[in-house]
């Protein structure tokens, strides 16, 4: 079976969680960083197809899901949805914990789950949408990233969304180069990385 890009199906979610972990350390494997392998995707993959499955697309071949893009058309509305529907269960499931001092970072993500709150930003006036994209190494360099971005961009345009943004870790120089090749530009620089934007 040749790899294909298609809309998300609920059966894809477990593979998306796995891919999020395998690409979660500035594009590399984050397995060693987390005792709980689901935490990273609880923040950066899982809620998106639950909140709005029409803005998630996957690449699949005979072995399963190779990569995905998730997005939301309205970041502030999405963050409000998280606060109402997604975080309460996770906050109950994962109480805050101290740094165990063993190099793992579960405590960082758990704290983020508890501290995350809706916050408006002037950036959302022009770029209200945002996305996350992850591809396994064996699917990289074949144009799938570009096609995933195009699929999501098309879906956002159909909804009249003017622009999309994303954040990139400064260490992930390959990702920054990729986004710039497909038309994103740097809007803000942070101590952790950059916010990139794309006009739709």
C-alpha atoms as a PDB file:
ATOM      1  CA  UNK A   1       0.000   0.000   0.000  1.00  0.00           C
ATOM      2  CA  UNK A   2       1.303   3.396  -0.975  1.00  0.00           C
ATOM      3  CA  UNK A   3       1.015   6.013   1.755  1.00  0.00           C
ATOM      4  CA  UNK A   4      -2.061   8.210   1.501  1.00  0.00           C
ATOM      5  CA  UNK A   5      -3.297  11.369   3.190  1.00  0.00           C
ATOM      6  CA  UNK A   6      -6.843  11.237   4.514  1.00  0.00           C
ATOM      7  CA  UNK A   7      -9.112  12.857   7.110  1.00  0.00           C
ATOM      8  CA  UNK A   8      -8.786  11.684  10.707  1.00  0.00           C
ATOM      9  CA  UNK A   9     -10.720   8.655  11.954  1.00  0.00           C
ATOM     10  CA  UNK A  10     -11.100   7.821  15.672  1.00  0.00           C
ATOM     11  CA  UNK A  11      -9.069   4.639  15.151  1.00  0.00           C
ATOM     12  CA  UNK A  12      -6.040   6.858  14.431  1.00  0.00           C
ATOM     13  CA  UNK A  13      -5.836   8.410  17.891  1.00  0.00           C
ATOM     14  CA  UNK A  14      -3.648   5.803  19.610  1.00  0.00           C
ATOM     15  CA  UNK A  15      -1.070   6.014  16.811  1.00  0.00           C
ATOM     16  CA  UNK A  16      -1.126   9.798  16.997  1.00  0.00           C
ATOM     17  CA  UNK A  17      -0.317   9.597  20.704  1.00  0.00           C
ATOM     18  CA  UNK A  18       2.646   7.350  19.916  1.00  0.00           C
ATOM     19  CA  UNK A  19       3.936   9.630  17.153  1.00  0.00           C
ATOM     20  CA  UNK A  20       3.607  12.682  19.387  1.00  0.00           C
ATOM     21  CA  UNK A  21       5.941  11.009  21.902  1.00  0.00           C
ATOM     22  CA  UNK A  22       8.384   9.734  19.267  1.00  0.00           C
ATOM     23  CA  UNK A  23       8.791  13.248  17.841  1.00  0.00           C
ATOM     24  CA  UNK A  24       8.306  15.253  21.032  1.00  0.00           C
ATOM     25  CA  UNK A  25      11.900  16.180  21.902  1.00  0.00           C
ATOM     26  CA  UNK A  26      12.469  19.015  19.419  1.00  0.00           C
ATOM     27  CA  UNK A  27      11.606  16.563  16.645  1.00  0.00           C
ATOM     28  CA  UNK A  28      13.367  13.584  18.232  1.00  0.00           C
ATOM     29  CA  UNK A  29      12.236  10.695  20.417  1.00  0.00           C
ATOM     30  CA  UNK A  30      10.956  11.924  23.798  1.00  0.00           C
ATOM     31  CA  UNK A  31      10.344   8.457  25.277  1.00  0.00           C
ATOM     32  CA  UNK A  32      13.125   8.804  27.840  1.00  0.00           C
ATOM     33  CA  UNK A  33      11.764  12.144  29.064  1.00  0.00           C
ATOM     34  CA  UNK A  34       8.380  10.909  30.275  1.00  0.00           C
ATOM     35  CA  UNK A  35       7.384   8.116  32.602  1.00  0.00           C
ATOM     36  CA  UNK A  36       3.811   8.484  31.345  1.00  0.00           C
ATOM     37  CA  UNK A  37       3.924   8.099  27.549  1.00  0.00           C
ATOM     38  CA  UNK A  38       0.521   9.775  27.081  1.00  0.00           C
ATOM     39  CA  UNK A  39       1.170  13.105  28.778  1.00  0.00           C
ATOM     40  CA  UNK A  40       2.693  14.923  25.816  1.00  0.00           C
ATOM     41  CA  UNK A  41      -0.153  14.027  23.483  1.00  0.00           C
ATOM     42  CA  UNK A  42      -2.737  14.914  26.140  1.00  0.00           C
ATOM     43  CA  UNK A  43      -1.565  18.492  25.588  1.00  0.00           C
ATOM     44  CA  UNK A  44      -0.511  18.664  21.962  1.00  0.00           C
ATOM     45  CA  UNK A  45      -2.443  16.050  19.972  1.00  0.00           C
ATOM     46  CA  UNK A  46      -5.380  14.416  21.743  1.00  0.00           C
ATOM     47  CA  UNK A  47      -7.760  17.312  22.295  1.00  0.00           C
ATOM     48  CA  UNK A  48      -7.780  18.574  18.716  1.00  0.00           C
ATOM     49  CA  UNK A  49      -9.662  15.775  16.929  1.00  0.00           C
ATOM     50  CA  UNK A  50     -12.032  15.552  19.890  1.00  0.00           C
ATOM     51  CA  UNK A  51     -12.832  19.279  19.759  1.00  0.00           C
ATOM     52  CA  UNK A  52     -12.972  19.491  15.940  1.00  0.00           C
ATOM     53  CA  UNK A  53     -12.201  16.275  13.998  1.00  0.00           C
ATOM     54  CA  UNK A  54     -12.610  18.085  10.669  1.00  0.00           C
ATOM     55  CA  UNK A  55      -9.265  19.821  11.205  1.00  0.00           C
ATOM     56  CA  UNK A  56      -7.130  16.711  11.713  1.00  0.00           C
ATOM     57  CA  UNK A  57      -5.502  14.850   8.813  1.00  0.00           C
ATOM     58  CA  UNK A  58      -3.245  11.789   8.824  1.00  0.00           C
ATOM     59  CA  UNK A  59      -0.792  10.030   6.517  1.00  0.00           C
ATOM     60  CA  UNK A  60      -1.118   6.242   6.580  1.00  0.00           C
ATOM     61  CA  UNK A  61       0.452   3.231   4.837  1.00  0.00           C
ATOM     62  CA  UNK A  62       0.162  -0.530   5.295  1.00  0.00           C
ATOM     63  CA  UNK A  63       1.946  -0.278   8.649  1.00  0.00           C
ATOM     64  CA  UNK A  64      -0.346   2.389  10.064  1.00  0.00           C
ATOM     65  CA  UNK A  65      -0.236   6.114  10.724  1.00  0.00           C
ATOM     66  CA  UNK A  66       2.999   7.842   9.692  1.00  0.00           C
ATOM     67  CA  UNK A  67       2.133  11.378  10.714  1.00  0.00           C
ATOM     68  CA  UNK A  68      -0.591  13.893  11.305  1.00  0.00           C
ATOM     69  CA  UNK A  69      -1.561  17.524  11.483  1.00  0.00           C
ATOM     70  CA  UNK A  70      -3.997  18.796  14.102  1.00  0.00           C
ATOM     71  CA  UNK A  71      -5.426  22.265  14.278  1.00  0.00           C
ATOM     72  CA  UNK A  72      -8.088  24.617  15.502  1.00  0.00           C
ATOM     73  CA  UNK A  73      -9.711  27.445  13.593  1.00  0.00           C
ATOM     74  CA  UNK A  74     -10.024  29.691  16.664  1.00  0.00           C
ATOM     75  CA  UNK A  75      -7.336  29.432  19.335  1.00  0.00           C
ATOM     76  CA  UNK A  76      -9.178  31.374  22.054  1.00  0.00           C
ATOM     77  CA  UNK A  77     -12.386  29.378  21.582  1.00  0.00           C
ATOM     78  CA  UNK A  78     -10.337  26.170  21.641  1.00  0.00           C
ATOM     79  CA  UNK A  79      -8.579  27.165  24.862  1.00  0.00           C
ATOM     80  CA  UNK A  80     -11.956  27.884  26.445  1.00  0.00           C
ATOM     81  CA  UNK A  81     -13.143  24.450  25.320  1.00  0.00           C
ATOM     82  CA  UNK A  82     -10.044  22.907  26.905  1.00  0.00           C
ATOM     83  CA  UNK A  83     -10.809  24.644  30.173  1.00  0.00           C
ATOM     84  CA  UNK A  84     -14.415  23.444  30.146  1.00  0.00           C
ATOM     85  CA  UNK A  85     -14.103  19.952  28.698  1.00  0.00           C
ATOM     86  CA  UNK A  86     -10.516  18.659  28.539  1.00  0.00           C
ATOM     87  CA  UNK A  87      -8.458  19.874  31.484  1.00  0.00           C
ATOM     88  CA  UNK A  88     -10.892  19.035  34.331  1.00  0.00           C
ATOM     89  CA  UNK A  89     -10.536  15.275  33.840  1.00  0.00           C
ATOM     90  CA  UNK A  90      -6.767  15.478  33.405  1.00  0.00           C
ATOM     91  CA  UNK A  91      -6.382  17.765  36.422  1.00  0.00           C
ATOM     92  CA  UNK A  92      -8.233  15.216  38.529  1.00  0.00           C
ATOM     93  CA  UNK A  93      -6.201  12.352  37.093  1.00  0.00           C
ATOM     94  CA  UNK A  94      -2.798  14.034  37.461  1.00  0.00           C
ATOM     95  CA  UNK A  95      -2.270  16.076  40.636  1.00  0.00           C
ATOM     96  CA  UNK A  96       0.783  18.362  40.605  1.00  0.00           C
ATOM     97  CA  UNK A  97       4.033  16.622  41.497  1.00  0.00           C
ATOM     98  CA  UNK A  98       7.550  17.787  42.328  1.00  0.00           C
ATOM     99  CA  UNK A  99      10.544  17.295  40.094  1.00  0.00           C
ATOM    100  CA  UNK A 100      11.819  13.769  40.910  1.00  0.00           C
ATOM    101  CA  UNK A 101      15.316  14.824  39.913  1.00  0.00           C
ATOM    102  CA  UNK A 102      15.797  11.926  37.530  1.00  0.00           C
ATOM    103  CA  UNK A 103      15.722  13.889  34.281  1.00  0.00           C
ATOM    104  CA  UNK A 104      12.092  13.097  33.474  1.00  0.00           C
ATOM    105  CA  UNK A 105       9.704  15.934  32.730  1.00  0.00           C
ATOM    106  CA  UNK A 106       6.251  14.608  33.614  1.00  0.00           C
ATOM    107  CA  UNK A 107       6.003  17.211  36.372  1.00  0.00           C
ATOM    108  CA  UNK A 108       6.490  20.008  33.810  1.00  0.00           C
ATOM    109  CA  UNK A 109       3.560  18.840  31.674  1.00  0.00           C
ATOM    110  CA  UNK A 110       1.350  18.168  34.685  1.00  0.00           C
ATOM    111  CA  UNK A 111       1.985  21.704  35.907  1.00  0.00           C
ATOM    112  CA  UNK A 112       1.118  22.982  32.423  1.00  0.00           C
ATOM    113  CA  UNK A 113      -2.182  21.069  32.547  1.00  0.00           C
ATOM    114  CA  UNK A 114      -3.040  22.777  35.833  1.00  0.00           C
ATOM    115  CA  UNK A 115      -1.825  26.257  34.873  1.00  0.00           C
ATOM    116  CA  UNK A 116      -3.101  26.470  31.286  1.00  0.00           C
ATOM    117  CA  UNK A 117      -5.851  29.083  31.015  1.00  0.00           C
ATOM    118  CA  UNK A 118      -7.528  30.848  28.087  1.00  0.00           C
ATOM    119  CA  UNK A 119      -5.655  34.009  27.185  1.00  0.00           C
ATOM    120  CA  UNK A 120      -6.422  36.370  24.333  1.00  0.00           C
ATOM    121  CA  UNK A 121      -3.589  37.636  22.157  1.00  0.00           C
ATOM    122  CA  UNK A 122      -3.543  40.342  19.488  1.00  0.00           C
ATOM    123  CA  UNK A 123      -1.907  37.756  17.232  1.00  0.00           C
ATOM    124  CA  UNK A 124      -5.267  35.962  17.016  1.00  0.00           C
ATOM    125  CA  UNK A 125      -6.849  38.898  15.183  1.00  0.00           C
ATOM    126  CA  UNK A 126      -4.906  38.019  12.039  1.00  0.00           C
ATOM    127  CA  UNK A 127      -3.858  34.438  12.816  1.00  0.00           C
ATOM    128  CA  UNK A 128      -6.616  32.892  14.932  1.00  0.00           C
ATOM    129  CA  UNK A 129      -5.887  29.302  13.912  1.00  0.00           C
ATOM    130  CA  UNK A 130      -2.965  27.211  15.138  1.00  0.00           C
ATOM    131  CA  UNK A 131      -1.602  23.770  14.357  1.00  0.00           C
ATOM    132  CA  UNK A 132       0.759  20.992  15.402  1.00  0.00           C
ATOM    133  CA  UNK A 133       2.300  18.593  12.890  1.00  0.00           C
ATOM    134  CA  UNK A 134       4.368  15.471  13.488  1.00  0.00           C
ATOM    135  CA  UNK A 135       5.848  12.926  11.081  1.00  0.00           C
ATOM    136  CA  UNK A 136       7.820   9.790  11.857  1.00  0.00           C
ATOM    137  CA  UNK A 137      11.370   9.889  10.447  1.00  0.00           C
ATOM    138  CA  UNK A 138      10.528   7.316   7.761  1.00  0.00           C
ATOM    139  CA  UNK A 139       7.857   9.678   6.385  1.00  0.00           C
ATOM    140  CA  UNK A 140       9.993  12.806   6.373  1.00  0.00           C
ATOM    141  CA  UNK A 141      11.551  14.338   3.282  1.00  0.00           C
ATOM    142  CA  UNK A 142       8.841  12.978   0.986  1.00  0.00           C
ATOM    143  CA  UNK A 143       6.526  15.969   0.785  1.00  0.00           C
ATOM    144  CA  UNK A 144       4.007  14.718   3.345  1.00  0.00           C
ATOM    145  CA  UNK A 145       4.563  17.639   5.675  1.00  0.00           C
ATOM    146  CA  UNK A 146       3.757  20.094   2.913  1.00  0.00           C
ATOM    147  CA  UNK A 147       0.671  18.108   1.907  1.00  0.00           C
ATOM    148  CA  UNK A 148      -0.576  17.973   5.499  1.00  0.00           C
ATOM    149  CA  UNK A 149      -0.159  21.740   5.812  1.00  0.00           C
ATOM    150  CA  UNK A 150      -1.989  22.206   2.510  1.00  0.00           C
ATOM    151  CA  UNK A 151      -4.865  19.960   3.621  1.00  0.00           C
ATOM    152  CA  UNK A 152      -5.339  21.847   6.871  1.00  0.00           C
ATOM    153  CA  UNK A 153      -4.899  25.238   5.189  1.00  0.00           C
ATOM    154  CA  UNK A 154      -7.600  24.344   2.673  1.00  0.00           C
ATOM    155  CA  UNK A 155     -10.004  23.331   5.426  1.00  0.00           C
ATOM    156  CA  UNK A 156      -9.306  26.580   7.284  1.00  0.00           C
ATOM    157  CA  UNK A 157      -9.811  28.676   4.148  1.00  0.00           C
ATOM    158  CA  UNK A 158     -13.201  27.028   3.627  1.00  0.00           C
ATOM    159  CA  UNK A 159     -14.146  28.376   7.053  1.00  0.00           C
ATOM    160  CA  UNK A 160     -12.924  31.871   6.198  1.00  0.00           C
ATOM    161  CA  UNK A 161      -9.956  31.789   8.561  1.00  0.00           C
ATOM    162  CA  UNK A 162      -7.410  34.488   7.595  1.00  0.00           C
ATOM    163  CA  UNK A 163      -4.255  32.979   9.057  1.00  0.00           C
ATOM    164  CA  UNK A 164      -2.630  30.287  11.177  1.00  0.00           C
ATOM    165  CA  UNK A 165       0.238  30.304  13.671  1.00  0.00           C
ATOM    166  CA  UNK A 166       2.413  27.793  15.487  1.00  0.00           C
ATOM    167  CA  UNK A 167       5.262  27.642  17.963  1.00  0.00           C
ATOM    168  CA  UNK A 168       8.577  25.918  17.249  1.00  0.00           C
ATOM    169  CA  UNK A 169      11.326  24.921  19.669  1.00  0.00           C
ATOM    170  CA  UNK A 170      14.546  26.792  18.883  1.00  0.00           C
ATOM    171  CA  UNK A 171      16.428  23.476  18.882  1.00  0.00           C
ATOM    172  CA  UNK A 172      14.266  22.128  16.065  1.00  0.00           C
ATOM    173  CA  UNK A 173      16.070  23.944  13.267  1.00  0.00           C
ATOM    174  CA  UNK A 174      14.914  21.439  10.644  1.00  0.00           C
ATOM    175  CA  UNK A 175      11.274  22.171  11.477  1.00  0.00           C
ATOM    176  CA  UNK A 176      11.822  25.928  11.316  1.00  0.00           C
ATOM    177  CA  UNK A 177      13.453  25.539   7.903  1.00  0.00           C
ATOM    178  CA  UNK A 178      10.545  23.375   6.724  1.00  0.00           C
ATOM    179  CA  UNK A 179       7.914  25.876   7.837  1.00  0.00           C
ATOM    180  CA  UNK A 180       9.739  28.720   6.143  1.00  0.00           C
ATOM    181  CA  UNK A 181       9.909  26.683   2.911  1.00  0.00           C
ATOM    182  CA  UNK A 182       6.131  26.199   2.911  1.00  0.00           C
ATOM    183  CA  UNK A 183       5.462  29.903   3.440  1.00  0.00           C
ATOM    184  CA  UNK A 184       5.499  30.589   7.177  1.00  0.00           C
ATOM    185  CA  UNK A 185       7.418  33.590   8.461  1.00  0.00           C
ATOM    186  CA  UNK A 186       8.774  34.394  11.885  1.00  0.00           C
ATOM    187  CA  UNK A 187       6.454  36.722  13.782  1.00  0.00           C
ATOM    188  CA  UNK A 188       7.928  36.521  17.295  1.00  0.00           C
ATOM    189  CA  UNK A 189      11.095  35.218  18.902  1.00  0.00           C
ATOM    190  CA  UNK A 190      11.025  33.767  22.430  1.00  0.00           C
ATOM    191  CA  UNK A 191      13.606  32.321  24.802  1.00  0.00           C
ATOM    192  CA  UNK A 192      12.218  28.859  23.941  1.00  0.00           C
ATOM    193  CA  UNK A 193      11.884  29.329  20.186  1.00  0.00           C
ATOM    194  CA  UNK A 194       9.693  31.206  17.716  1.00  0.00           C
ATOM    195  CA  UNK A 195       6.112  31.869  16.719  1.00  0.00           C
ATOM    196  CA  UNK A 196       5.640  31.477  12.973  1.00  0.00           C
ATOM    197  CA  UNK A 197       2.628  32.668  10.967  1.00  0.00           C
ATOM    198  CA  UNK A 198       1.056  31.886   7.604  1.00  0.00           C
ATOM    199  CA  UNK A 199      -1.455  34.050   5.755  1.00  0.00           C
ATOM    200  CA  UNK A 200      -4.284  32.021   4.270  1.00  0.00           C
END
